[in-house]
Amino acid sequence: MFYMVEFKVEKSTKLSRAVLENVKEISYSVIMKLLRKKDIKVNDKRVTEDIILLANDKVQVYYVAEKISHFTTIYQDQNVVVIDKKSGYTSEEIFNEIKGVFSTAFFIHRLDRNTSGLMVFALNEQAEKELLLAFKKHSLEKIYLAEVKGKMLKKQAVLQAYLLKHSQDSRVEIFNNKVNNSVKIITEYSVIEEKENTSVLQVKLHTGKTHQIRAHLAHIGNPIVGDGKYGDSTFNKLRKEKYQKLKAVKLTLKFSEESLLNYLNNKVFESKGF
C-alpha cells in the first residue's frame, strides 16, 4: 500500500534522523533509496541528499508499506468507528490509515502526535454531522491519563486559565489572567497514584483547546513526563522518556433523542493505560 507522511521539524536536524523519528515503518537504507528516487520533499521541493533541516521545515515522505498498525479498533457499527491510536503519529496519519480500512470514514477530531488513546470517526455524512455537533457543544466526555513531574499541591482541582495560541511556532502560552486573543480554558484533574518523583492523574477537559492539558499542567509546575515541547527536558533525559505520558483512556458519547446516534447515548469506551 502507498503512503504519504507529512511532518514539520521543531529544530535543526538531519533529514534522515527526522524521517526515522517520524516514520516508524522504514529504515535508514530505505530512506537513502527514497532519496535516490526523489520520493522525499522538503518544503514542497524534491530532494536527493541527506540535507540538514531547519526549524519548521516541512517534510513529505512517499513510500510503500506492506502492513502498518498504528491503531486498534475498539468498536465499529454502520455509523461510527472508535479506535485506540498509538503514540508518535499525527491524527491525519491515522485518518489516512482509517480510510484504507473504512473507505467512507470522515475526520472528526484530533489528538496530538505523541498523545495516544481513543478517537472516533464517522462512517457516513449524517454521523459526521452528529459527531461534529456533539464536539462543538462539548457534550462528549473525554478522560485522559497523564503522568506528570512532581507532586500536586491538591489531590483534586479544577484549573482555570487563559490560552494564547502562537500559530507561527505551533505552541500555546498559558496566562492566569485574560490577554488579547486568549481563550478561557478549564482543566480538571484528580491524583490516582503518587510515585517517587511523579504523579499519575486522571484529567477531564471542560474545554478542548490545542495542547491544553500539556500546557496547562506545565504552567502550574507539573509538566507531563516525556513532553518534548512543554516538559522538563533534563528530567525527561534522566528518565530516558521518548514519548509523553498522556493518553485518552475514556470516551463517553452523548446524543439527543432525535439523533441518528441516539442508540450510542451514554455509551462508554475505555482503553488501557500507557
Protein backbone atom coordinates (compact mmCIF):
# COMPACT_ATOMS: atom_id res chain seq x y z
CA MET A 1 0.00 0.00 0.00
CA PHE A 2 1.20 3.51 -0.84
CA TYR A 3 1.50 6.11 1.93
CA MET A 4 2.46 9.75 2.35
CA VAL A 5 3.58 11.04 5.74
CA GLU A 6 3.95 14.78 6.31
CA PHE A 7 5.50 16.48 9.33
CA LYS A 8 7.35 19.59 10.44
CA VAL A 9 10.59 19.57 12.42
CA GLU A 10 10.84 21.62 15.61
CA LYS A 11 14.61 22.14 15.49
CA SER A 12 17.57 21.80 13.15
CA THR A 13 18.36 18.15 12.44
CA LYS A 14 19.50 15.82 9.68
CA LEU A 15 16.79 14.76 7.24
CA SER A 16 17.38 11.03 7.73
CA ARG A 17 17.13 11.36 11.50
CA ALA A 18 13.88 13.32 11.26
CA VAL A 19 12.37 10.72 8.94
CA LEU A 20 13.43 7.85 11.20
CA GLU A 21 11.76 9.57 14.16
CA ASN A 22 8.52 10.30 12.31
CA VAL A 23 8.07 7.31 10.00
CA LYS A 24 8.48 4.18 12.09
CA GLU A 25 7.98 1.67 9.25
CA ILE A 26 11.10 2.47 7.23
CA SER A 27 14.81 2.03 7.88
CA TYR A 28 17.84 4.20 7.10
CA SER A 29 18.60 2.17 3.97
CA VAL A 30 15.05 2.68 2.72
CA ILE A 31 15.38 6.43 3.32
CA MET A 32 18.52 6.51 1.15
CA LYS A 33 16.63 4.64 -1.56
CA LEU A 34 13.74 7.11 -1.34
CA LEU A 35 16.19 9.99 -1.73
CA ARG A 36 17.66 8.43 -4.85
CA LYS A 37 14.15 8.02 -6.26
CA LYS A 38 13.24 11.63 -5.32
CA ASP A 39 10.39 10.37 -3.14
CA ILE A 40 11.08 12.83 -0.29
CA LYS A 41 10.15 16.51 -0.41
CA VAL A 42 11.35 19.34 1.83
CA ASN A 43 9.18 22.45 1.72
CA ASP A 44 7.42 21.00 -1.35
CA LYS A 45 10.68 20.50 -3.29
CA ARG A 46 12.11 17.06 -4.09
CA VAL A 47 15.48 16.35 -2.51
CA THR A 48 18.10 13.74 -3.32
CA GLU A 49 20.58 14.26 -0.46
CA ASP A 50 20.51 13.80 3.31
CA ILE A 51 20.39 17.54 3.99
CA ILE A 52 20.25 19.48 7.26
CA LEU A 53 16.74 20.66 8.08
CA LEU A 54 15.90 23.91 9.82
CA ALA A 55 13.17 24.51 12.41
CA ASN A 56 9.67 24.48 10.87
CA ASP A 57 10.84 22.82 7.64
CA LYS A 58 8.05 20.67 6.19
CA VAL A 59 8.92 17.13 5.10
CA GLN A 60 6.81 14.80 2.95
CA VAL A 61 7.79 11.15 2.61
CA TYR A 62 6.22 8.94 -0.08
CA TYR A 63 6.71 5.22 0.42
CA VAL A 64 5.18 1.76 0.10
CA ALA A 65 4.50 -0.36 3.17
CA GLU A 66 3.08 -3.87 3.24
CA LYS A 67 1.36 -3.58 6.60
CA ILE A 68 1.04 -0.95 9.29
CA SER A 69 -0.94 -0.95 12.51
CA HIS A 70 -0.90 2.37 14.31
CA PHE A 71 -4.35 1.86 15.79
CA THR A 72 -6.59 -0.82 17.25
CA THR A 73 -10.30 -0.89 16.51
CA ILE A 74 -12.31 -0.71 19.75
CA TYR A 75 -15.82 -0.52 18.30
CA GLN A 76 -17.48 -0.35 14.89
CA ASP A 77 -21.01 -0.22 13.54
CA GLN A 78 -22.65 1.17 10.39
CA ASN A 79 -22.22 4.78 11.57
CA VAL A 80 -19.06 5.15 13.64
CA VAL A 81 -15.72 3.54 14.40
CA VAL A 82 -13.80 4.06 17.65
CA ILE A 83 -10.08 3.32 17.64
CA ASP A 84 -7.13 3.36 20.04
CA LYS A 85 -4.36 5.47 18.49
CA LYS A 86 -0.69 4.74 19.12
CA SER A 87 1.68 7.48 20.25
CA GLY A 88 4.05 9.05 17.73
CA TYR A 89 1.61 9.56 14.86
CA THR A 90 -0.49 12.53 13.83
CA SER A 91 -4.26 12.29 13.66
CA GLU A 92 -4.01 12.92 9.92
CA GLU A 93 -1.72 9.89 9.51
CA ILE A 94 -4.17 7.77 11.48
CA PHE A 95 -7.05 9.03 9.33
CA ASN A 96 -5.17 8.00 6.18
CA GLU A 97 -4.86 4.51 7.65
CA ILE A 98 -8.51 4.50 8.69
CA LYS A 99 -9.51 5.34 5.11
CA GLY A 100 -7.60 2.29 3.95
CA VAL A 101 -9.84 0.11 6.12
CA PHE A 102 -13.06 2.17 6.25
CA SER A 103 -13.25 3.95 2.89
CA THR A 104 -16.26 6.11 3.85
CA ALA A 105 -14.70 7.49 7.06
CA PHE A 106 -14.91 11.19 7.97
CA PHE A 107 -12.37 13.08 10.11
CA ILE A 108 -13.90 14.38 13.37
CA HIS A 109 -11.29 15.43 15.96
CA ARG A 110 -7.57 15.35 16.76
CA LEU A 111 -5.11 14.05 19.28
CA ASP A 112 -1.56 15.42 19.44
CA ARG A 113 1.10 13.35 17.65
CA ASN A 114 2.55 11.96 20.88
CA THR A 115 -0.79 11.59 22.67
CA SER A 116 -2.22 8.09 22.38
CA GLY A 117 -5.73 6.86 23.00
CA LEU A 118 -9.32 6.92 21.86
CA MET A 119 -10.56 8.62 18.69
CA VAL A 120 -13.91 8.39 16.94
CA PHE A 121 -14.59 8.67 13.21
CA ALA A 122 -17.89 8.88 11.33
CA LEU A 123 -18.66 6.40 8.56
CA ASN A 124 -21.32 8.45 6.75
CA GLU A 125 -22.34 12.08 6.30
CA GLN A 126 -25.19 12.06 8.84
CA ALA A 127 -22.99 10.53 11.52
CA GLU A 128 -20.32 13.12 10.70
CA LYS A 129 -22.84 15.90 11.24
CA GLU A 130 -23.96 14.47 14.61
CA LEU A 131 -20.43 13.89 15.90
CA LEU A 132 -19.18 17.33 14.85
CA LEU A 133 -22.18 18.91 16.59
CA ALA A 134 -21.50 16.90 19.75
CA PHE A 135 -17.87 18.02 19.81
CA LYS A 136 -18.89 21.63 19.16
CA LYS A 137 -21.31 21.52 22.11
CA HIS A 138 -18.72 19.74 24.30
CA SER A 139 -21.35 17.11 25.05
CA LEU A 140 -18.89 14.23 24.68
CA GLU A 141 -16.92 13.44 27.80
CA LYS A 142 -13.20 12.71 27.37
CA ILE A 143 -11.00 11.43 30.18
CA TYR A 144 -7.20 11.34 29.94
CA LEU A 145 -4.48 9.61 31.92
CA ALA A 146 -1.36 11.72 32.49
CA GLU A 147 1.87 11.15 34.38
CA VAL A 148 3.43 14.44 35.48
CA LYS A 149 6.62 15.57 37.16
CA GLY A 150 6.46 16.06 40.92
CA LYS A 151 3.60 16.04 43.42
CA MET A 152 0.39 18.04 43.06
CA LEU A 153 -0.45 20.75 45.58
CA LYS A 154 -4.01 19.43 45.71
CA LYS A 155 -5.26 15.87 45.19
CA GLN A 156 -8.12 17.20 43.10
CA ALA A 157 -8.68 20.56 41.43
CA VAL A 158 -10.46 22.37 38.62
CA LEU A 159 -7.90 24.66 36.99
CA GLN A 160 -8.87 27.80 35.10
CA ALA A 161 -6.58 29.94 32.96
CA TYR A 162 -6.29 31.58 29.55
CA LEU A 163 -4.63 30.07 26.49
CA LEU A 164 -2.97 32.05 23.71
CA LYS A 165 -2.06 30.17 20.53
CA HIS A 166 1.11 31.09 18.63
CA SER A 167 0.45 29.61 15.19
CA GLN A 168 3.87 30.56 13.82
CA ASP A 169 5.68 28.03 16.02
CA SER A 170 2.81 25.64 16.85
CA ARG A 171 2.92 26.49 20.55
CA VAL A 172 0.47 27.83 23.09
CA GLU A 173 1.07 30.03 26.14
CA ILE A 174 -0.93 29.99 29.36
CA PHE A 175 -1.82 33.07 31.44
CA ASN A 176 -3.57 33.41 34.78
CA ASN A 177 -5.48 36.45 33.51
CA LYS A 178 -7.02 37.21 30.12
CA VAL A 179 -4.75 38.73 27.46
CA ASN A 180 -5.53 39.81 23.90
CA ASN A 181 -6.71 36.93 21.68
CA SER A 182 -6.61 34.41 24.53
CA VAL A 183 -9.43 31.96 25.32
CA LYS A 184 -10.52 30.62 28.68
CA ILE A 185 -9.62 27.02 29.47
CA ILE A 186 -10.82 24.70 32.23
CA THR A 187 -8.89 21.55 33.11
CA GLU A 188 -9.94 19.20 35.92
CA TYR A 189 -7.66 16.59 37.46
CA SER A 190 -7.54 14.12 40.31
CA VAL A 191 -4.49 12.23 41.58
CA ILE A 192 -4.87 8.47 41.25
CA GLU A 193 -1.28 7.44 42.10
CA GLU A 194 1.86 9.02 43.52
CA LYS A 195 5.28 7.65 42.62
CA GLU A 196 8.74 8.64 43.84
CA ASN A 197 9.00 11.83 41.79
CA THR A 198 5.91 11.77 39.56
CA SER A 199 2.13 11.70 39.91
CA VAL A 200 -0.42 9.88 37.78
CA LEU A 201 -3.54 11.95 37.12
CA GLN A 202 -6.97 11.43 35.70
CA VAL A 203 -7.71 14.54 33.63
CA LYS A 204 -11.04 15.81 32.33
CA LEU A 205 -11.28 18.58 29.75
CA HIS A 206 -14.11 21.08 30.19
CA THR A 207 -12.74 22.97 27.18
CA GLY A 208 -10.82 21.35 24.36
CA LYS A 209 -8.09 23.64 23.06
CA THR A 210 -4.77 22.97 21.31
CA HIS A 211 -2.20 21.42 23.70
CA GLN A 212 -4.46 22.36 26.62
CA ILE A 213 -3.58 19.56 29.03
CA ARG A 214 0.15 19.67 28.30
CA ALA A 215 0.49 23.43 28.56
CA HIS A 216 -1.88 23.90 31.50
CA LEU A 217 -0.17 21.29 33.68
CA ALA A 218 3.26 22.67 32.74
CA HIS A 219 2.01 26.15 33.69
CA ILE A 220 1.32 25.05 37.27
CA GLY A 221 4.73 23.40 37.55
CA ASN A 222 3.81 19.79 36.78
CA PRO A 223 4.72 19.13 33.13
CA ILE A 224 3.84 15.81 31.55
CA VAL A 225 6.62 13.24 31.64
CA GLY A 226 8.24 12.86 28.23
CA ASP A 227 6.72 16.01 26.75
CA GLY A 228 9.35 17.46 24.42
CA LYS A 229 7.60 20.79 23.89
CA TYR A 230 6.27 21.90 27.28
CA GLY A 231 8.08 19.46 29.55
CA ASP A 232 11.33 19.42 31.54
CA SER A 233 13.99 18.27 29.04
CA THR A 234 16.57 17.48 31.75
CA PHE A 235 14.06 15.41 33.72
CA ASN A 236 12.97 13.56 30.57
CA LYS A 237 16.54 12.77 29.57
CA LEU A 238 17.35 11.37 33.01
CA ARG A 239 14.30 9.10 32.75
CA LYS A 240 15.04 8.29 29.08
CA GLU A 241 11.46 9.13 28.17
CA LYS A 242 10.92 9.42 24.41
CA TYR A 243 7.14 9.80 24.37
CA GLN A 244 4.86 11.86 26.56
CA LYS A 245 2.80 10.06 29.17
CA LEU A 246 -0.61 11.28 28.07
CA LYS A 247 -3.42 9.07 26.82
CA ALA A 248 -7.13 9.49 26.10
CA VAL A 249 -8.43 6.49 28.04
CA LYS A 250 -12.19 7.06 28.27
CA LEU A 251 -14.76 8.43 25.84
CA THR A 252 -18.46 8.79 26.67
CA LEU A 253 -20.80 9.55 23.77
CA LYS A 254 -23.88 11.69 24.40
CA PHE A 255 -26.64 12.47 21.89
CA SER A 256 -30.21 13.77 21.91
CA GLU A 257 -33.23 11.51 21.50
CA GLU A 258 -33.70 12.79 17.94
CA SER A 259 -30.15 11.99 16.90
CA LEU A 260 -29.28 9.23 14.45
CA LEU A 261 -26.70 8.17 17.03
CA ASN A 262 -29.09 8.13 20.00
CA TYR A 263 -28.50 4.38 20.39
CA LEU A 264 -24.95 5.29 21.47
CA ASN A 265 -26.12 7.79 24.09
CA ASN A 266 -24.08 7.42 27.29
CA LYS A 267 -22.10 4.55 25.79
CA VAL A 268 -18.62 4.43 27.33
CA PHE A 269 -15.48 3.31 25.53
CA GLU A 270 -12.32 2.65 27.51
CA SER A 271 -8.68 1.92 26.76
CA LYS A 272 -5.89 0.54 28.89
CA GLY A 273 -3.24 2.82 30.40
CA PHE A 274 0.10 3.80 28.87
